[in-house]
Amino acid sequence: MQMKVTICQLHDDPAGLESDWAGLVAHVRAEESNVVLLPEMPFSPWFATSRRFDAAVWTAAVDAHTVWEAKFKDLAPAAVIASRPIDFGNERYNEGFVWDAETGMRGAHAKTFLPDEEGVWEASWYQRATPDFTPVQVFDAQVGFLICTELWYFEQARLYGLEGVHLLVTPRLTHGSTLDKWLVGGRAAAIAAGAFGLSSNRFHESGAYGGQGWVVGPDGEVLALTSANEPFVSVRIDLEAAKKAKSTYPRYAISDPFLVTQL
């Protein structure tokens, strides 16, 4: 079972995003991609830079994502994976989703682990979701979401491996000064799960958002990285490799149900 996956880095500003989108569409069509991973909430400038919640700014971000979602058909027949700001009654969430031409938009996982500090006041802007990390089917692949900060919850990566997940997807919004740290985390999570790890990030020339999306293999091998010169990258992966990895070290050693229950 082979699959062509595409990662990217997209500009944080509207003008740059428009240009990036045209390039991404051309790339995905040329590569005949099956899955495209976008960054975390990519269709509005990052809003949680102030601790004080602003309802008008939040509504503008929600509306911007709704407008852009109408453009996903430009990437069909590829499935699109990312996260978006959503209203759920009186609560607000950062929701991971999957879109494809046949089934449309599917909410897959709402972000549970939220930072709340200078520049990323997420917990001040929207709610921590009740933990639900149920894998979602995307074509032939079982997919597990670890949205940005959730990547560091390595126990969930291990549990995803036990559930047979082929892909760990991490849409994110991270600073340019932390790229090495995040790549280490992405490689470690992929190893723990015995799965392919995919991540896409925002980008800004100032370094406020550092780009460098990745595709890493089930043993942590770096298969592809995006950059300012190559903002879109596609890789053909074999889902069978993720299946086989789960029976090899260290996965088998940390998956024995009896041993795990004794810890």
Protein backbone atom coordinates (compact mmCIF):
# COMPACT_ATOMS: atom_id res chain seq x y z
CA MET A 1 0.00 0.00 0.00
CA GLN A 2 1.83 3.05 -1.23
CA MET A 3 0.80 6.65 -0.74
CA LYS A 4 2.19 10.01 -1.91
CA VAL A 5 2.20 12.53 0.95
CA THR A 6 2.86 16.27 0.69
CA ILE A 7 4.13 18.57 3.45
CA CYS A 8 4.51 22.33 3.24
CA GLN A 9 5.33 25.61 4.90
CA LEU A 10 2.91 28.48 4.31
CA HIS A 11 3.39 32.19 4.95
CA ASP A 12 1.58 33.72 7.90
CA ASP A 13 0.56 36.87 5.99
CA PRO A 14 -2.42 36.90 3.56
CA ALA A 15 -0.45 38.00 0.48
CA GLY A 16 2.22 35.38 1.00
CA LEU A 17 -0.43 32.74 1.65
CA GLU A 18 -2.15 33.48 -1.66
CA SER A 19 1.11 33.03 -3.54
CA ASP A 20 1.97 29.89 -1.59
CA TRP A 21 -1.42 28.37 -2.32
CA ALA A 22 -0.97 28.72 -6.07
CA GLY A 23 2.41 27.03 -5.80
CA LEU A 24 1.07 24.27 -3.58
CA VAL A 25 -1.79 23.50 -5.96
CA ALA A 26 0.61 23.23 -8.89
CA HIS A 27 2.94 21.00 -6.87
CA VAL A 28 0.19 18.66 -5.66
CA ARG A 29 -1.20 18.24 -9.17
CA ALA A 30 2.22 17.54 -10.63
CA GLU A 31 3.07 15.04 -7.88
CA GLU A 32 -0.40 13.42 -7.92
CA SER A 33 -0.42 13.49 -4.14
CA ASN A 34 -2.83 11.44 -2.04
CA VAL A 35 -2.56 13.41 1.21
CA VAL A 36 -1.64 17.06 1.83
CA LEU A 37 -0.81 18.24 5.34
CA LEU A 38 -1.19 21.98 6.03
CA PRO A 39 0.07 23.91 9.09
CA GLU A 40 -1.92 24.59 12.26
CA MET A 41 -4.87 26.93 11.59
CA PRO A 42 -3.13 28.23 8.44
CA PHE A 43 -5.69 30.56 6.87
CA SER A 44 -5.49 33.60 9.14
CA PRO A 45 -2.58 35.47 10.67
CA TRP A 46 -1.76 34.06 14.09
CA PHE A 47 -4.11 35.78 16.53
CA ALA A 48 -3.21 34.58 20.04
CA THR A 49 -0.31 37.00 20.45
CA SER A 50 -2.13 38.85 23.22
CA ARG A 51 -3.48 37.20 26.37
CA ARG A 52 -6.71 39.17 26.08
CA PHE A 53 -9.36 37.38 24.04
CA ASP A 54 -10.90 39.45 21.24
CA ALA A 55 -14.19 38.08 19.90
CA ALA A 56 -13.96 40.03 16.63
CA VAL A 57 -10.48 38.70 15.89
CA TRP A 58 -11.59 35.14 16.67
CA THR A 59 -14.65 35.45 14.42
CA ALA A 60 -12.49 36.81 11.60
CA ALA A 61 -10.19 33.79 11.92
CA VAL A 62 -13.13 31.36 11.85
CA ASP A 63 -14.58 33.11 8.80
CA ALA A 64 -11.23 33.12 6.97
CA HIS A 65 -10.93 29.37 7.37
CA THR A 66 -14.47 28.86 6.10
CA VAL A 67 -13.64 30.87 2.96
CA TRP A 68 -10.42 28.98 2.31
CA GLU A 69 -12.03 25.58 2.82
CA ALA A 70 -13.98 26.18 -0.39
CA LYS A 71 -10.60 26.07 -2.19
CA PHE A 72 -9.71 22.57 -1.05
CA LYS A 73 -11.22 21.21 -4.24
CA ASP A 74 -8.19 22.69 -6.00
CA LEU A 75 -6.14 19.94 -4.34
CA ALA A 76 -8.53 17.07 -5.13
CA PRO A 77 -8.37 14.14 -5.36
CA ALA A 78 -5.85 14.53 -2.52
CA ALA A 79 -7.16 14.54 1.05
CA VAL A 80 -6.37 17.69 3.03
CA ILE A 81 -5.38 17.54 6.72
CA ALA A 82 -4.88 20.52 9.04
CA SER A 83 -6.56 22.24 11.98
CA ARG A 84 -9.01 25.15 12.19
CA PRO A 85 -10.63 27.44 14.78
CA ILE A 86 -14.24 26.42 15.39
CA ASP A 87 -17.16 27.43 17.60
CA PHE A 88 -18.99 24.63 19.40
CA GLY A 89 -21.92 26.16 21.23
CA ASN A 90 -20.41 28.63 23.68
CA GLU A 91 -16.98 27.03 23.49
CA ARG A 92 -14.09 27.50 21.09
CA TYR A 93 -11.67 24.83 19.89
CA ASN A 94 -8.69 24.16 17.66
CA GLU A 95 -10.00 21.23 15.64
CA GLY A 96 -7.95 18.85 13.54
CA PHE A 97 -9.82 17.86 10.39
CA VAL A 98 -9.69 15.78 7.24
CA TRP A 99 -11.25 16.90 3.96
CA ASP A 100 -11.68 14.90 0.79
CA ALA A 101 -13.83 15.39 -2.28
CA GLU A 102 -16.06 12.39 -1.55
CA THR A 103 -16.91 12.87 2.14
CA GLY A 104 -16.19 16.58 2.58
CA MET A 105 -15.09 18.00 5.93
CA ARG A 106 -14.65 15.70 8.92
CA GLY A 107 -13.67 16.87 12.36
CA ALA A 108 -11.11 14.36 13.63
CA HIS A 109 -9.58 15.60 16.89
CA ALA A 110 -9.77 18.78 18.98
CA LYS A 111 -6.49 19.96 20.52
CA THR A 112 -6.10 18.98 24.17
CA PHE A 113 -2.69 20.27 25.27
CA LEU A 114 -2.49 24.06 24.99
CA PRO A 115 0.42 26.37 25.81
CA ASP A 116 -0.36 29.70 27.46
CA GLU A 117 2.63 32.02 27.39
CA GLU A 118 4.04 35.04 25.59
CA GLY A 119 3.10 34.89 21.90
CA VAL A 120 1.05 31.69 22.15
CA TRP A 121 -1.84 32.40 24.51
CA GLU A 122 -3.83 29.43 23.27
CA ALA A 123 -5.52 28.46 26.54
CA SER A 124 -6.66 32.08 26.90
CA TRP A 125 -8.32 32.02 23.48
CA TYR A 126 -9.95 28.60 23.26
CA GLN A 127 -10.77 25.58 25.38
CA ARG A 128 -8.73 22.47 26.10
CA ALA A 129 -10.72 19.64 24.57
CA THR A 130 -11.56 16.48 26.47
CA PRO A 131 -8.85 14.01 25.38
CA ASP A 132 -9.99 11.95 22.40
CA PHE A 133 -7.20 10.63 20.21
CA THR A 134 -9.25 8.17 18.16
CA PRO A 135 -7.46 7.43 14.86
CA VAL A 136 -9.20 8.42 11.63
CA GLN A 137 -9.17 6.56 8.31
CA VAL A 138 -7.78 8.49 5.34
CA PHE A 139 -7.91 6.32 2.22
CA ASP A 140 -5.76 3.25 3.08
CA ALA A 141 -4.08 4.87 6.09
CA GLN A 142 -4.95 5.01 9.77
CA VAL A 143 -4.02 8.52 10.90
CA GLY A 144 -3.35 9.87 14.38
CA PHE A 145 -3.38 13.60 15.21
CA LEU A 146 -0.79 15.24 17.45
CA ILE A 147 -1.41 18.96 16.93
CA CYS A 148 1.69 21.04 17.69
CA THR A 149 2.29 20.84 21.49
CA GLU A 150 0.59 17.43 21.58
CA LEU A 151 3.66 16.02 19.80
CA TRP A 152 5.41 16.00 23.18
CA TYR A 153 2.84 13.61 24.62
CA PHE A 154 4.94 10.61 23.66
CA GLU A 155 2.72 8.13 25.49
CA GLN A 156 -0.02 8.94 22.96
CA ALA A 157 2.39 8.22 20.11
CA ARG A 158 3.05 4.81 21.67
CA LEU A 159 -0.68 4.18 22.05
CA TYR A 160 -1.25 5.15 18.43
CA GLY A 161 1.29 2.50 17.51
CA LEU A 162 -0.69 -0.11 19.43
CA GLU A 163 -3.78 0.96 17.46
CA GLY A 164 -2.01 0.35 14.15
CA VAL A 165 -1.66 3.96 13.03
CA HIS A 166 0.35 4.44 9.82
CA LEU A 167 0.69 8.25 9.93
CA LEU A 168 1.22 10.71 12.77
CA VAL A 169 0.23 14.19 11.57
CA THR A 170 1.43 17.32 13.34
CA PRO A 171 0.16 20.61 11.92
CA ARG A 172 2.07 23.21 13.89
CA LEU A 173 2.98 26.85 14.52
CA THR A 174 6.51 27.01 15.91
CA HIS A 175 9.35 29.55 16.09
CA GLY A 176 12.38 29.41 13.84
CA SER A 177 14.73 29.18 16.83
CA THR A 178 13.19 25.85 17.91
CA LEU A 179 13.38 23.87 14.64
CA ASP A 180 16.00 21.39 15.84
CA LYS A 181 14.03 20.65 19.02
CA TRP A 182 10.82 20.03 17.12
CA LEU A 183 12.46 17.73 14.61
CA VAL A 184 13.90 15.68 17.48
CA GLY A 185 10.37 15.41 18.90
CA GLY A 186 8.93 14.40 15.55
CA ARG A 187 11.53 11.68 15.09
CA ALA A 188 11.02 10.35 18.62
CA ALA A 189 7.22 10.22 18.24
CA ALA A 190 7.52 8.35 14.93
CA ILE A 191 9.86 5.82 16.52
CA ALA A 192 7.55 5.30 19.51
CA ALA A 193 4.58 4.70 17.21
CA GLY A 194 6.38 2.81 14.47
CA ALA A 195 4.66 5.20 12.06
CA PHE A 196 5.50 7.81 9.45
CA GLY A 197 5.56 11.29 10.99
CA LEU A 198 4.36 14.29 8.95
CA SER A 199 4.46 17.93 9.99
CA SER A 200 3.80 21.27 8.26
CA ASN A 201 4.52 24.67 9.80
CA ARG A 202 3.86 28.35 9.22
CA PHE A 203 6.68 30.49 7.87
CA HIS A 204 7.73 34.11 8.25
CA GLU A 205 10.97 35.69 7.10
CA SER A 206 11.50 37.16 10.58
CA GLY A 207 11.80 33.67 12.03
CA ALA A 208 8.70 34.13 14.17
CA TYR A 209 7.41 31.02 12.38
CA GLY A 210 10.16 28.80 11.16
CA GLY A 211 8.77 26.54 8.47
CA GLN A 212 10.64 23.23 8.14
CA GLY A 213 7.92 20.71 7.66
CA TRP A 214 9.10 17.11 7.79
CA VAL A 215 8.43 13.56 6.74
CA VAL A 216 10.19 11.03 8.96
CA GLY A 217 10.11 7.26 8.73
CA PRO A 218 9.00 4.73 11.37
CA ASP A 219 12.57 4.45 12.69
CA GLY A 220 13.05 8.20 12.83
CA GLU A 221 14.89 8.57 9.54
CA VAL A 222 14.42 12.03 8.00
CA LEU A 223 12.93 11.51 4.55
CA ALA A 224 12.17 15.14 3.64
CA LEU A 225 12.30 18.68 4.99
CA THR A 226 10.75 21.85 3.61
CA SER A 227 12.70 25.11 3.40
CA ALA A 228 12.31 28.64 2.06
CA ASN A 229 13.72 27.40 -1.25
CA GLU A 230 11.55 24.27 -1.27
CA PRO A 231 8.32 25.05 0.57
CA PHE A 232 6.43 22.02 -0.78
CA VAL A 233 7.82 18.47 -0.71
CA SER A 234 6.21 15.17 -1.61
CA VAL A 235 7.36 11.68 -0.67
CA ARG A 236 6.06 8.27 -1.69
CA ILE A 237 5.77 6.07 1.38
CA ASP A 238 4.91 2.41 1.86
CA LEU A 239 2.28 1.93 4.57
CA GLU A 240 3.42 -1.66 4.93
CA ALA A 241 6.69 -0.34 6.40
CA ALA A 242 4.73 1.22 9.28
CA LYS A 243 2.87 -2.04 9.84
CA LYS A 244 6.10 -4.06 9.96
CA ALA A 245 7.84 -1.53 12.23
CA LYS A 246 5.41 -2.22 15.05
CA SER A 247 6.86 -5.70 15.56
CA THR A 248 10.47 -4.45 15.75
CA TYR A 249 12.53 -2.78 18.47
CA PRO A 250 11.70 -0.71 20.44
CA ARG A 251 7.98 -1.08 19.73
CA TYR A 252 7.56 -4.72 20.75
CA ALA A 253 9.46 -4.09 23.97
CA ILE A 254 7.13 -1.26 25.07
CA SER A 255 3.86 -2.78 23.92
CA ASP A 256 3.48 -5.93 26.03
CA PRO A 257 0.02 -5.45 27.62
CA PHE A 258 0.94 -7.34 30.82
CA LEU A 259 4.14 -5.38 31.41
CA VAL A 260 2.50 -2.05 30.66
CA THR A 261 -0.28 -2.65 33.22
CA GLN A 262 2.34 -3.31 35.92
CA LEU A 263 4.01 0.08 35.50
